[in-house]
PDB file of N, CA and C in Angstrom:
ATOM      1  N   MET A   1       0.818  -1.175   0.000  1.00  0.00           N
ATOM      2  CA  MET A   1       0.000   0.000   0.000  1.00  0.00           C
ATOM      3  C   MET A   1       0.869   1.248   0.000  1.00  0.00           C
ATOM      4  N   LYS A   2       0.554   2.183  -0.861  1.00  0.00           N
ATOM      5  CA  LYS A   2       1.328   3.405  -0.970  1.00  0.00           C
ATOM      6  C   LYS A   2       0.803   4.441   0.013  1.00  0.00           C
ATOM      7  N   PRO A   3       1.676   5.223   0.626  1.00  0.00           N
ATOM      8  CA  PRO A   3       1.213   6.280   1.529  1.00  0.00           C
ATOM      9  C   PRO A   3       0.528   7.396   0.746  1.00  0.00           C
ATOM     10  N   ARG A   4      -0.488   7.974   1.338  1.00  0.00           N
ATOM     11  CA  ARG A   4      -1.227   9.084   0.709  1.00  0.00           C
ATOM     12  C   ARG A   4      -0.634  10.403   1.150  1.00  0.00           C
ATOM     13  N   CYS A   5      -0.698  11.347   0.253  1.00  0.00           N
ATOM     14  CA  CYS A   5      -0.227  12.691   0.574  1.00  0.00           C
ATOM     15  C   CYS A   5      -1.442  13.549   0.938  1.00  0.00           C
ATOM     16  N   ILE A   6      -1.445  14.075   2.131  1.00  0.00           N
ATOM     17  CA  ILE A   6      -2.561  14.914   2.590  1.00  0.00           C
ATOM     18  C   ILE A   6      -2.071  16.346   2.654  1.00  0.00           C
ATOM     19  N   SER A   7      -2.808  17.235   2.014  1.00  0.00           N
ATOM     20  CA  SER A   7      -2.439  18.651   1.992  1.00  0.00           C
ATOM     21  C   SER A   7      -2.772  19.289   3.339  1.00  0.00           C
ATOM     22  N   THR A   8      -1.879  20.125   3.809  1.00  0.00           N
ATOM     23  CA  THR A   8      -2.118  20.841   5.058  1.00  0.00           C
ATOM     24  C   THR A   8      -2.459  22.304   4.805  1.00  0.00           C
ATOM     25  N   ARG A   9      -2.683  22.665   3.563  1.00  0.00           N
ATOM     26  CA  ARG A   9      -3.056  24.046   3.259  1.00  0.00           C
ATOM     27  C   ARG A   9      -4.504  24.282   3.659  1.00  0.00           C
ATOM     28  N   PRO A  10      -4.777  25.460   4.206  1.00  0.00           N
ATOM     29  CA  PRO A  10      -6.168  25.751   4.584  1.00  0.00           C
ATOM     30  C   PRO A  10      -7.060  25.907   3.351  1.00  0.00           C
ATOM     31  N   ILE A  11      -8.273  25.518   3.523  1.00  0.00           N
ATOM     32  CA  ILE A  11      -9.260  25.670   2.457  1.00  0.00           C
ATOM     33  C   ILE A  11      -9.975  26.993   2.672  1.00  0.00           C
ATOM     34  N   GLN A  12     -10.083  27.766   1.628  1.00  0.00           N
ATOM     35  CA  GLN A  12     -10.788  29.047   1.729  1.00  0.00           C
ATOM     36  C   GLN A  12     -12.186  28.885   1.146  1.00  0.00           C
ATOM     37  N   LEU A  13     -13.155  29.258   1.937  1.00  0.00           N
ATOM     38  CA  LEU A  13     -14.542  29.179   1.499  1.00  0.00           C
ATOM     39  C   LEU A  13     -15.158  30.559   1.718  1.00  0.00           C
ATOM     40  N   GLN A  14     -15.742  31.086   0.697  1.00  0.00           N
ATOM     41  CA  GLN A  14     -16.339  32.418   0.807  1.00  0.00           C
ATOM     42  C   GLN A  14     -17.843  32.300   0.573  1.00  0.00           C
ATOM     43  N   VAL A  15     -18.606  32.779   1.552  1.00  0.00           N
ATOM     44  CA  VAL A  15     -20.055  32.735   1.462  1.00  0.00           C
ATOM     45  C   VAL A  15     -20.567  34.163   1.591  1.00  0.00           C
ATOM     46  N   GLN A  16     -21.418  34.516   0.678  1.00  0.00           N
ATOM     47  CA  GLN A  16     -22.000  35.855   0.733  1.00  0.00           C
ATOM     48  C   GLN A  16     -23.504  35.696   0.925  1.00  0.00           C
ATOM     49  N   VAL A  17     -23.997  36.280   2.014  1.00  0.00           N
ATOM     50  CA  VAL A  17     -25.424  36.214   2.304  1.00  0.00           C
ATOM     51  C   VAL A  17     -26.008  37.594   2.053  1.00  0.00           C
ATOM     52  N   GLN A  18     -27.041  37.614   1.278  1.00  0.00           N
ATOM     53  CA  GLN A  18     -27.677  38.881   0.949  1.00  0.00           C
ATOM     54  C   GLN A  18     -29.157  38.768   1.268  1.00  0.00           C
ATOM     55  N   GLY A  19     -29.690  39.812   1.852  1.00  0.00           N
ATOM     56  CA  GLY A  19     -31.112  39.837   2.164  1.00  0.00           C
ATOM     57  C   GLY A  19     -31.941  40.055   0.916  1.00  0.00           C
ATOM     58  N   PRO A  20     -33.236  40.165   1.088  1.00  0.00           N
ATOM     59  CA  PRO A  20     -34.091  40.395  -0.070  1.00  0.00           C
ATOM     60  C   PRO A  20     -33.788  41.761  -0.690  1.00  0.00           C
ATOM     61  N   THR A  21     -33.953  41.828  -1.984  1.00  0.00           N
ATOM     62  CA  THR A  21     -33.765  43.110  -2.672  1.00  0.00           C
ATOM     63  C   THR A  21     -35.076  43.507  -3.327  1.00  0.00           C
ATOM     64  N   VAL A  22     -35.320  44.791  -3.347  1.00  0.00           N
ATOM     65  CA  VAL A  22     -36.548  45.319  -3.928  1.00  0.00           C
ATOM     66  C   VAL A  22     -36.167  46.428  -4.890  1.00  0.00           C
ATOM     67  N   ARG A  23     -36.762  46.411  -6.059  1.00  0.00           N
ATOM     68  CA  ARG A  23     -36.559  47.480  -7.036  1.00  0.00           C
ATOM     69  C   ARG A  23     -37.799  48.363  -7.022  1.00  0.00           C
ATOM     70  N   TYR A  24     -37.583  49.673  -6.920  1.00  0.00           N
ATOM     71  CA  TYR A  24     -38.676  50.641  -6.880  1.00  0.00           C
ATOM     72  C   TYR A  24     -38.673  51.495  -8.130  1.00  0.00           C
ATOM     73  N   GLU A  25     -39.810  52.106  -8.401  1.00  0.00           N
ATOM     74  CA  GLU A  25     -39.874  53.119  -9.448  1.00  0.00           C
ATOM     75  C   GLU A  25     -40.647  54.311  -8.912  1.00  0.00           C
ATOM     76  N   GLY A  26     -40.375  55.463  -9.482  1.00  0.00           N
ATOM     77  CA  GLY A  26     -41.044  56.677  -9.050  1.00  0.00           C
ATOM     78  C   GLY A  26     -40.105  57.584  -8.292  1.00  0.00           C
ATOM     79  N   THR A  27     -40.681  58.564  -7.633  1.00  0.00           N
ATOM     80  CA  THR A  27     -39.914  59.559  -6.882  1.00  0.00           C
ATOM     81  C   THR A  27     -40.175  59.386  -5.398  1.00  0.00           C
ATOM     82  N   TYR A  28     -39.113  59.137  -4.635  1.00  0.00           N
ATOM     83  CA  TYR A  28     -39.250  59.023  -3.191  1.00  0.00           C
ATOM     84  C   TYR A  28     -39.096  60.410  -2.581  1.00  0.00           C
ATOM     85  N   ILE A  29     -40.083  60.832  -1.812  1.00  0.00           N
ATOM     86  CA  ILE A  29     -40.044  62.116  -1.106  1.00  0.00           C
ATOM     87  C   ILE A  29     -40.108  61.806   0.386  1.00  0.00           C
ATOM     88  N   SER A  30     -39.033  62.094   1.077  1.00  0.00           N
ATOM     89  CA  SER A  30     -38.945  61.779   2.508  1.00  0.00           C
ATOM     90  C   SER A  30     -39.847  62.714   3.312  1.00  0.00           C
ATOM     91  N   ASP A  31     -40.140  62.298   4.552  1.00  0.00           N
ATOM     92  CA  ASP A  31     -40.922  63.148   5.455  1.00  0.00           C
ATOM     93  C   ASP A  31     -40.214  64.468   5.700  1.00  0.00           C
ATOM     94  N   GLU A  32     -38.881  64.405   5.843  1.00  0.00           N
ATOM     95  CA  GLU A  32     -38.103  65.615   6.085  1.00  0.00           C
ATOM     96  C   GLU A  32     -38.205  66.596   4.920  1.00  0.00           C
ATOM     97  N   LEU A  33     -38.172  66.067   3.705  1.00  0.00           N
ATOM     98  CA  LEU A  33     -38.281  66.939   2.531  1.00  0.00           C
ATOM     99  C   LEU A  33     -39.689  67.516   2.416  1.00  0.00           C
ATOM    100  N   LEU A  34     -40.711  66.716   2.710  1.00  0.00           N
ATOM    101  CA  LEU A  34     -42.093  67.203   2.660  1.00  0.00           C
ATOM    102  C   LEU A  34     -42.315  68.315   3.680  1.00  0.00           C
ATOM    103  N   GLU A  35     -41.644  68.217   4.828  1.00  0.00           N
ATOM    104  CA  GLU A  35     -41.757  69.265   5.847  1.00  0.00           C
ATOM    105  C   GLU A  35     -41.213  70.607   5.368  1.00  0.00           C
ATOM    106  N   ARG A  36     -40.326  70.595   4.388  1.00  0.00           N
ATOM    107  CA  ARG A  36     -39.742  71.838   3.871  1.00  0.00           C
ATOM    108  C   ARG A  36     -40.737  72.644   3.039  1.00  0.00           C
ATOM    109  N   VAL A  37     -41.829  72.019   2.620  1.00  0.00           N
ATOM    110  CA  VAL A  37     -42.860  72.714   1.841  1.00  0.00           C
ATOM    111  C   VAL A  37     -43.667  73.580   2.807  1.00  0.00           C
ATOM    112  N   VAL A  38     -43.589  74.893   2.635  1.00  0.00           N
ATOM    113  CA  VAL A  38     -44.278  75.825   3.525  1.00  0.00           C
ATOM    114  C   VAL A  38     -45.614  76.212   2.890  1.00  0.00           C
ATOM    115  N   ILE A  39     -46.712  75.833   3.568  1.00  0.00           N
ATOM    116  CA  ILE A  39     -48.057  76.149   3.090  1.00  0.00           C
ATOM    117  C   ILE A  39     -48.193  77.673   2.976  1.00  0.00           C
ATOM    118  N   GLY A  40     -48.749  78.115   1.842  1.00  0.00           N
ATOM    119  CA  GLY A  40     -48.969  79.539   1.623  1.00  0.00           C
ATOM    120  C   GLY A  40     -47.753  80.298   1.126  1.00  0.00           C
ATOM    121  N   LYS A  41     -46.600  79.622   1.079  1.00  0.00           N
ATOM    122  CA  LYS A  41     -45.374  80.292   0.646  1.00  0.00           C
ATOM    123  C   LYS A  41     -44.696  79.579  -0.526  1.00  0.00           C
ATOM    124  N   ALA A  42     -44.631  78.255  -0.484  1.00  0.00           N
ATOM    125  CA  ALA A  42     -43.974  77.489  -1.548  1.00  0.00           C
ATOM    126  C   ALA A  42     -44.767  77.609  -2.848  1.00  0.00           C
ATOM    127  N   THR A  43     -44.041  77.793  -3.947  1.00  0.00           N
ATOM    128  CA  THR A  43     -44.692  77.947  -5.253  1.00  0.00           C
ATOM    129  C   THR A  43     -44.592  76.660  -6.059  1.00  0.00           C
ATOM    130  N   ASP A  44     -45.371  76.602  -7.137  1.00  0.00           N
ATOM    131  CA  ASP A  44     -45.320  75.445  -8.025  1.00  0.00           C
ATOM    132  C   ASP A  44     -43.927  75.271  -8.620  1.00  0.00           C
ATOM    133  N   GLU A  45     -43.259  76.366  -8.968  1.00  0.00           N
ATOM    134  CA  GLU A  45     -41.902  76.289  -9.523  1.00  0.00           C
ATOM    135  C   GLU A  45     -40.928  75.704  -8.500  1.00  0.00           C
ATOM    136  N   TRP A  46     -41.052  76.124  -7.248  1.00  0.00           N
ATOM    137  CA  TRP A  46     -40.176  75.610  -6.196  1.00  0.00           C
ATOM    138  C   TRP A  46     -40.405  74.116  -6.000  1.00  0.00           C
ATOM    139  N   VAL A  47     -41.664  73.709  -5.972  1.00  0.00           N
ATOM    140  CA  VAL A  47     -41.990  72.288  -5.762  1.00  0.00           C
ATOM    141  C   VAL A  47     -41.395  71.432  -6.876  1.00  0.00           C
ATOM    142  N   VAL A  48     -41.532  71.867  -8.134  1.00  0.00           N
ATOM    143  CA  VAL A  48     -40.977  71.098  -9.249  1.00  0.00           C
ATOM    144  C   VAL A  48     -39.447  71.082  -9.178  1.00  0.00           C
ATOM    145  N   ALA A  49     -38.842  72.190  -8.784  1.00  0.00           N
ATOM    146  CA  ALA A  49     -37.382  72.239  -8.663  1.00  0.00           C
ATOM    147  C   ALA A  49     -36.876  71.270  -7.598  1.00  0.00           C
ATOM    148  N   VAL A  50     -37.631  71.100  -6.516  1.00  0.00           N
ATOM    149  CA  VAL A  50     -37.196  70.246  -5.407  1.00  0.00           C
ATOM    150  C   VAL A  50     -37.610  68.789  -5.604  1.00  0.00           C
ATOM    151  N   PHE A  51     -38.852  68.529  -5.997  1.00  0.00           N
ATOM    152  CA  PHE A  51     -39.377  67.161  -6.117  1.00  0.00           C
ATOM    153  C   PHE A  51     -39.242  66.587  -7.530  1.00  0.00           C
ATOM    154  N   GLY A  52     -39.168  67.428  -8.534  1.00  0.00           N
ATOM    155  CA  GLY A  52     -39.247  66.970  -9.917  1.00  0.00           C
ATOM    156  C   GLY A  52     -40.691  67.028 -10.382  1.00  0.00           C
ATOM    157  N   GLU A  53     -40.890  66.752 -11.647  1.00  0.00           N
ATOM    158  CA  GLU A  53     -42.254  66.770 -12.208  1.00  0.00           C
ATOM    159  C   GLU A  53     -43.117  65.715 -11.515  1.00  0.00           C
ATOM    160  N   PRO A  54     -44.377  66.052 -11.240  1.00  0.00           N
ATOM    161  CA  PRO A  54     -45.262  65.060 -10.601  1.00  0.00           C
ATOM    162  C   PRO A  54     -45.634  63.940 -11.568  1.00  0.00           C
ATOM    163  N   ASP A  55     -45.999  62.794 -11.000  1.00  0.00           N
ATOM    164  CA  ASP A  55     -46.455  61.662 -11.809  1.00  0.00           C
ATOM    165  C   ASP A  55     -47.841  61.915 -12.384  1.00  0.00           C
ATOM    166  N   ALA A  56     -48.655  62.682 -11.655  1.00  0.00           N
ATOM    167  CA  ALA A  56     -50.021  62.965 -12.100  1.00  0.00           C
ATOM    168  C   ALA A  56     -50.425  64.361 -11.617  1.00  0.00           C
ATOM    169  N   GLN A  57     -51.271  65.005 -12.417  1.00  0.00           N
ATOM    170  CA  GLN A  57     -51.824  66.314 -12.055  1.00  0.00           C
ATOM    171  C   GLN A  57     -53.324  66.279 -12.345  1.00  0.00           C
ATOM    172  N   SER A  58     -54.108  66.778 -11.393  1.00  0.00           N
ATOM    173  CA  SER A  58     -55.557  66.853 -11.581  1.00  0.00           C
ATOM    174  C   SER A  58     -56.010  68.279 -11.318  1.00  0.00           C
ATOM    175  N   LYS A  59     -56.835  68.797 -12.236  1.00  0.00           N
ATOM    176  CA  LYS A  59     -57.394  70.140 -12.055  1.00  0.00           C
ATOM    177  C   LYS A  59     -58.787  70.011 -11.453  1.00  0.00           C
ATOM    178  N   LEU A  60     -59.053  70.834 -10.457  1.00  0.00           N
ATOM    179  CA  LEU A  60     -60.360  70.831  -9.804  1.00  0.00           C
ATOM    180  C   LEU A  60     -61.199  72.000 -10.311  1.00  0.00           C
ATOM    181  N   ARG A  61     -62.515  71.923 -10.106  1.00  0.00           N
ATOM    182  CA  ARG A  61     -63.433  72.971 -10.588  1.00  0.00           C
ATOM    183  C   ARG A  61     -63.118  74.358 -10.053  1.00  0.00           C
ATOM    184  N   ASP A  62     -62.637  74.429  -8.828  1.00  0.00           N
ATOM    185  CA  ASP A  62     -62.361  75.736  -8.235  1.00  0.00           C
ATOM    186  C   ASP A  62     -61.060  76.365  -8.744  1.00  0.00           C
ATOM    187  N   GLY A  63     -60.396  75.699  -9.697  1.00  0.00           N
ATOM    188  CA  GLY A  63     -59.164  76.229 -10.271  1.00  0.00           C
ATOM    189  C   GLY A  63     -57.901  75.713  -9.613  1.00  0.00           C
ATOM    190  N   SER A  64     -58.025  75.034  -8.491  1.00  0.00           N
ATOM    191  CA  SER A  64     -56.844  74.484  -7.828  1.00  0.00           C
ATOM    192  C   SER A  64     -56.413  73.195  -8.532  1.00  0.00           C
ATOM    193  N   GLN A  65     -55.219  72.760  -8.198  1.00  0.00           N
ATOM    194  CA  GLN A  65     -54.666  71.534  -8.780  1.00  0.00           C
ATOM    195  C   GLN A  65     -54.137  70.645  -7.665  1.00  0.00           C
ATOM    196  N   ILE A  66     -54.180  69.341  -7.905  1.00  0.00           N
ATOM    197  CA  ILE A  66     -53.544  68.386  -7.000  1.00  0.00           C
ATOM    198  C   ILE A  66     -52.480  67.656  -7.806  1.00  0.00           C
ATOM    199  N   TRP A  67     -51.265  67.692  -7.281  1.00  0.00           N
ATOM    200  CA  TRP A  67     -50.142  66.993  -7.901  1.00  0.00           C
ATOM    201  C   TRP A  67     -49.797  65.790  -7.036  1.00  0.00           C
ATOM    202  N   ARG A  68     -49.383  64.695  -7.702  1.00  0.00           N
ATOM    203  CA  ARG A  68     -49.060  63.465  -6.972  1.00  0.00           C
ATOM    204  C   ARG A  68     -47.728  62.876  -7.451  1.00  0.00           C
ATOM    205  N   TRP A  69     -46.907  62.459  -6.490  1.00  0.00           N
ATOM    206  CA  TRP A  69     -45.681  61.710  -6.747  1.00  0.00           C
ATOM    207  C   TRP A  69     -45.853  60.356  -6.084  1.00  0.00           C
ATOM    208  N   THR A  70     -45.527  59.280  -6.796  1.00  0.00           N
ATOM    209  CA  THR A  70     -45.699  57.928  -6.258  1.00  0.00           C
ATOM    210  C   THR A  70     -44.384  57.167  -6.341  1.00  0.00           C
ATOM    211  N   TYR A  71     -44.109  56.408  -5.284  1.00  0.00           N
ATOM    212  CA  TYR A  71     -42.920  55.567  -5.177  1.00  0.00           C
ATOM    213  C   TYR A  71     -43.412  54.174  -4.818  1.00  0.00           C
ATOM    214  N   ARG A  72     -43.184  53.200  -5.714  1.00  0.00           N
ATOM    215  CA  ARG A  72     -43.759  51.872  -5.470  1.00  0.00           C
ATOM    216  C   ARG A  72     -42.784  50.753  -5.825  1.00  0.00           C
ATOM    217  N   PRO A  73     -42.901  49.636  -5.105  1.00  0.00           N
ATOM    218  CA  PRO A  73     -42.063  48.479  -5.437  1.00  0.00           C
ATOM    219  C   PRO A  73     -42.583  47.830  -6.715  1.00  0.00           C
ATOM    220  N   VAL A  74     -41.657  47.444  -7.589  1.00  0.00           N
ATOM    221  CA  VAL A  74     -42.061  46.792  -8.826  1.00  0.00           C
ATOM    222  C   VAL A  74     -41.485  45.387  -8.974  1.00  0.00           C
ATOM    223  N   GLU A  75     -40.477  45.066  -8.138  1.00  0.00           N
ATOM    224  CA  GLU A  75     -39.876  43.734  -8.208  1.00  0.00           C
ATOM    225  C   GLU A  75     -39.221  43.416  -6.873  1.00  0.00           C
ATOM    226  N   GLN A  76     -39.398  42.179  -6.417  1.00  0.00           N
ATOM    227  CA  GLN A  76     -38.776  41.736  -5.169  1.00  0.00           C
ATOM    228  C   GLN A  76     -38.072  40.417  -5.424  1.00  0.00           C
ATOM    229  N   LYS A  77     -36.826  40.327  -4.961  1.00  0.00           N
ATOM    230  CA  LYS A  77     -36.068  39.077  -5.049  1.00  0.00           C
ATOM    231  C   LYS A  77     -35.785  38.607  -3.637  1.00  0.00           C
ATOM    232  N   VAL A  78     -36.039  37.318  -3.388  1.00  0.00           N
ATOM    233  CA  VAL A  78     -35.794  36.775  -2.057  1.00  0.00           C
ATOM    234  C   VAL A  78     -34.351  36.315  -1.955  1.00  0.00           C
ATOM    235  N   SER A  79     -33.856  36.220  -0.739  1.00  0.00           N
ATOM    236  CA  SER A  79     -32.486  35.753  -0.514  1.00  0.00           C
ATOM    237  C   SER A  79     -32.449  34.230  -0.490  1.00  0.00           C
ATOM    238  N   LEU A  80     -31.263  33.688  -0.619  1.00  0.00           N
ATOM    239  CA  LEU A  80     -31.066  32.239  -0.584  1.00  0.00           C
ATOM    240  C   LEU A  80     -31.477  31.673   0.772  1.00  0.00           C
ATOM    241  N   VAL A  81     -31.249  32.427   1.849  1.00  0.00           N
ATOM    242  CA  VAL A  81     -31.631  31.990   3.192  1.00  0.00           C
ATOM    243  C   VAL A  81     -33.149  31.830   3.274  1.00  0.00           C
ATOM    244  N   GLU A  82     -33.901  32.756   2.677  1.00  0.00           N
ATOM    245  CA  GLU A  82     -35.361  32.656   2.712  1.00  0.00           C
ATOM    246  C   GLU A  82     -35.856  31.444   1.920  1.00  0.00           C
ATOM    247  N   VAL A  83     -35.170  31.132   0.831  1.00  0.00           N
ATOM    248  CA  VAL A  83     -35.579  29.996   0.005  1.00  0.00           C
ATOM    249  C   VAL A  83     -35.399  28.695   0.786  1.00  0.00           C
ATOM    250  N   PHE A  84     -34.322  28.597   1.563  1.00  0.00           N
ATOM    251  CA  PHE A  84     -34.028  27.373   2.307  1.00  0.00           C
ATOM    252  C   PHE A  84     -34.345  27.523   3.788  1.00  0.00           C
ATOM    253  N   GLY A  85     -35.582  27.826   4.109  1.00  0.00           N
ATOM    254  CA  GLY A  85     -36.029  27.792   5.490  1.00  0.00           C
ATOM    255  C   GLY A  85     -35.853  29.070   6.273  1.00  0.00           C
ATOM    256  N   GLY A  86     -35.802  30.168   5.617  1.00  0.00           N
ATOM    257  CA  GLY A  86     -35.691  31.445   6.323  1.00  0.00           C
ATOM    258  C   GLY A  86     -37.012  31.835   6.952  1.00  0.00           C
ATOM    259  N   SER A  87     -37.185  33.085   7.171  1.00  0.00           N
ATOM    260  CA  SER A  87     -38.375  33.612   7.825  1.00  0.00           C
ATOM    261  C   SER A  87     -39.633  33.283   7.030  1.00  0.00           C
ATOM    262  N   GLU A  88     -40.683  32.898   7.753  1.00  0.00           N
ATOM    263  CA  GLU A  88     -41.952  32.621   7.084  1.00  0.00           C
ATOM    264  C   GLU A  88     -42.706  33.900   6.780  1.00  0.00           C
ATOM    265  N   LYS A  89     -42.399  34.961   7.505  1.00  0.00           N
ATOM    266  CA  LYS A  89     -43.078  36.226   7.278  1.00  0.00           C
ATOM    267  C   LYS A  89     -42.428  36.949   6.112  1.00  0.00           C
ATOM    268  N   GLU A  90     -43.230  37.275   5.124  1.00  0.00           N
ATOM    269  CA  GLU A  90     -42.718  38.051   4.000  1.00  0.00           C
ATOM    270  C   GLU A  90     -42.713  39.515   4.371  1.00  0.00           C
ATOM    271  N   PRO A  91     -41.632  40.225   4.037  1.00  0.00           N
ATOM    272  CA  PRO A  91     -41.645  41.655   4.310  1.00  0.00           C
ATOM    273  C   PRO A  91     -42.716  42.337   3.470  1.00  0.00           C
ATOM    274  N   LYS A  92     -43.344  43.352   4.031  1.00  0.00           N
ATOM    275  CA  LYS A  92     -44.396  44.058   3.314  1.00  0.00           C
ATOM    276  C   LYS A  92     -43.840  45.364   2.783  1.00  0.00           C
ATOM    277  N   PHE A  93     -43.929  45.527   1.489  1.00  0.00           N
ATOM    278  CA  PHE A  93     -43.460  46.725   0.830  1.00  0.00           C
ATOM    279  C   PHE A  93     -44.676  47.473   0.321  1.00  0.00           C
ATOM    280  N   SER A  94     -44.738  48.735   0.633  1.00  0.00           N
ATOM    281  CA  SER A  94     -45.934  49.476   0.265  1.00  0.00           C
ATOM    282  C   SER A  94     -45.603  50.651  -0.637  1.00  0.00           C
ATOM    283  N   THR A  95     -46.620  51.089  -1.326  1.00  0.00           N
ATOM    284  CA  THR A  95     -46.527  52.258  -2.182  1.00  0.00           C
ATOM    285  C   THR A  95     -46.654  53.500  -1.319  1.00  0.00           C
ATOM    286  N   ARG A  96     -45.873  54.505  -1.625  1.00  0.00           N
ATOM    287  CA  ARG A  96     -45.924  55.775  -0.899  1.00  0.00           C
ATOM    288  C   ARG A  96     -46.262  56.859  -1.912  1.00  0.00           C
ATOM    289  N   SER A  97     -47.273  57.654  -1.608  1.00  0.00           N
ATOM    290  CA  SER A  97     -47.653  58.776  -2.464  1.00  0.00           C
ATOM    291  C   SER A  97     -47.621  60.068  -1.662  1.00  0.00           C
ATOM    292  N   VAL A  98     -47.206  61.132  -2.312  1.00  0.00           N
ATOM    293  CA  VAL A  98     -47.199  62.471  -1.731  1.00  0.00           C
ATOM    294  C   VAL A  98     -48.077  63.347  -2.606  1.00  0.00           C
ATOM    295  N   PHE A  99     -48.923  64.161  -1.960  1.00  0.00           N
ATOM    296  CA  PHE A  99     -49.858  65.027  -2.670  1.00  0.00           C
ATOM    297  C   PHE A  99     -49.610  66.481  -2.279  1.00  0.00           C
ATOM    298  N   ILE A 100     -49.691  67.354  -3.262  1.00  0.00           N
ATOM    299  CA  ILE A 100     -49.582  68.798  -3.045  1.00  0.00           C
ATOM    300  C   ILE A 100     -50.788  69.439  -3.732  1.00  0.00           C
ATOM    301  N   MET A 101     -51.516  70.279  -2.998  1.00  0.00           N
ATOM    302  CA  MET A 101     -52.617  71.030  -3.599  1.00  0.00           C
ATOM    303  C   MET A 101     -52.144  72.473  -3.802  1.00  0.00           C
ATOM    304  N   LEU A 102     -52.337  72.961  -5.021  1.00  0.00           N
ATOM    305  CA  LEU A 102     -51.918  74.308  -5.391  1.00  0.00           C
ATOM    306  C   LEU A 102     -53.123  75.149  -5.795  1.00  0.00           C
ATOM    307  N   ARG A 103     -53.083  76.396  -5.439  1.00  0.00           N
ATOM    308  CA  ARG A 103     -54.092  77.351  -5.894  1.00  0.00           C
ATOM    309  C   ARG A 103     -53.348  78.624  -6.290  1.00  0.00           C
ATOM    310  N   ASP A 104     -53.555  79.066  -7.521  1.00  0.00           N
ATOM    311  CA  ASP A 104     -52.865  80.241  -8.062  1.00  0.00           C
ATOM    312  C   ASP A 104     -51.351  80.110  -7.946  1.00  0.00           C
ATOM    313  N   GLY A 105     -50.823  78.908  -8.157  1.00  0.00           N
ATOM    314  CA  GLY A 105     -49.385  78.674  -8.158  1.00  0.00           C
ATOM    315  C   GLY A 105     -48.738  78.582  -6.791  1.00  0.00           C
ATOM    316  N   VAL A 106     -49.553  78.562  -5.722  1.00  0.00           N
ATOM    317  CA  VAL A 106     -49.017  78.504  -4.361  1.00  0.00           C
ATOM    318  C   VAL A 106     -49.571  77.259  -3.654  1.00  0.00           C
ATOM    319  N   VAL A 107     -48.735  76.603  -2.862  1.00  0.00           N
ATOM    320  CA  VAL A 107     -49.152  75.402  -2.128  1.00  0.00           C
ATOM    321  C   VAL A 107     -50.130  75.805  -1.028  1.00  0.00           C
ATOM    322  N   VAL A 108     -51.313  75.148  -1.029  1.00  0.00           N
ATOM    323  CA  VAL A 108     -52.317  75.422  -0.002  1.00  0.00           C
ATOM    324  C   VAL A 108     -52.534  74.225   0.931  1.00  0.00           C
ATOM    325  N   GLU A 109     -52.041  73.046   0.494  1.00  0.00           N
ATOM    326  CA  GLU A 109     -52.186  71.843   1.320  1.00  0.00           C
ATOM    327  C   GLU A 109     -51.178  70.805   0.863  1.00  0.00           C
ATOM    328  N   LYS A 110     -50.761  69.926   1.783  1.00  0.00           N
ATOM    329  CA  LYS A 110     -49.845  68.826   1.471  1.00  0.00           C
ATOM    330  C   LYS A 110     -50.171  67.637   2.361  1.00  0.00           C
ATOM    331  N   TRP A 111     -49.997  66.451   1.828  1.00  0.00           N
ATOM    332  CA  TRP A 111     -50.206  65.237   2.632  1.00  0.00           C
ATOM    333  C   TRP A 111     -49.561  64.051   1.936  1.00  0.00           C
ATOM    334  N   LYS A 112     -49.472  62.948   2.675  1.00  0.00           N
ATOM    335  CA  LYS A 112     -48.931  61.714   2.123  1.00  0.00           C
ATOM    336  C   LYS A 112     -49.909  60.586   2.374  1.00  0.00           C
ATOM    337  N   GLY A 113     -49.824  59.561   1.580  1.00  0.00           N
ATOM    338  CA  GLY A 113     -50.739  58.442   1.746  1.00  0.00           C
ATOM    339  C   GLY A 113     -50.198  57.191   1.175  1.00  0.00           C
TER     340      GLY A 113
END
């Protein structure tokens, strides 16, 4: 019987664990940024300069307008850990919308939903 040669070099194993990833579309407007909108003072030009063009605009009978920006998840990828016995609870990703009401080019109301 011939003797076997056993390597004493360490084996390097690299494992990368990544959590779920979500791809969003739209414009995200943080609470802090929304707070910067001063009712009665901020203009339509200022809002567009700060937030960008709205996703939707609606004109009301009284001449005012409501602008909306929406940020929503469009794709979710699970991690390898979740596939092989990870958490049973799926994370909940929700759509966030911000609304600005303008009258005569000035912000009269703001809210999120």
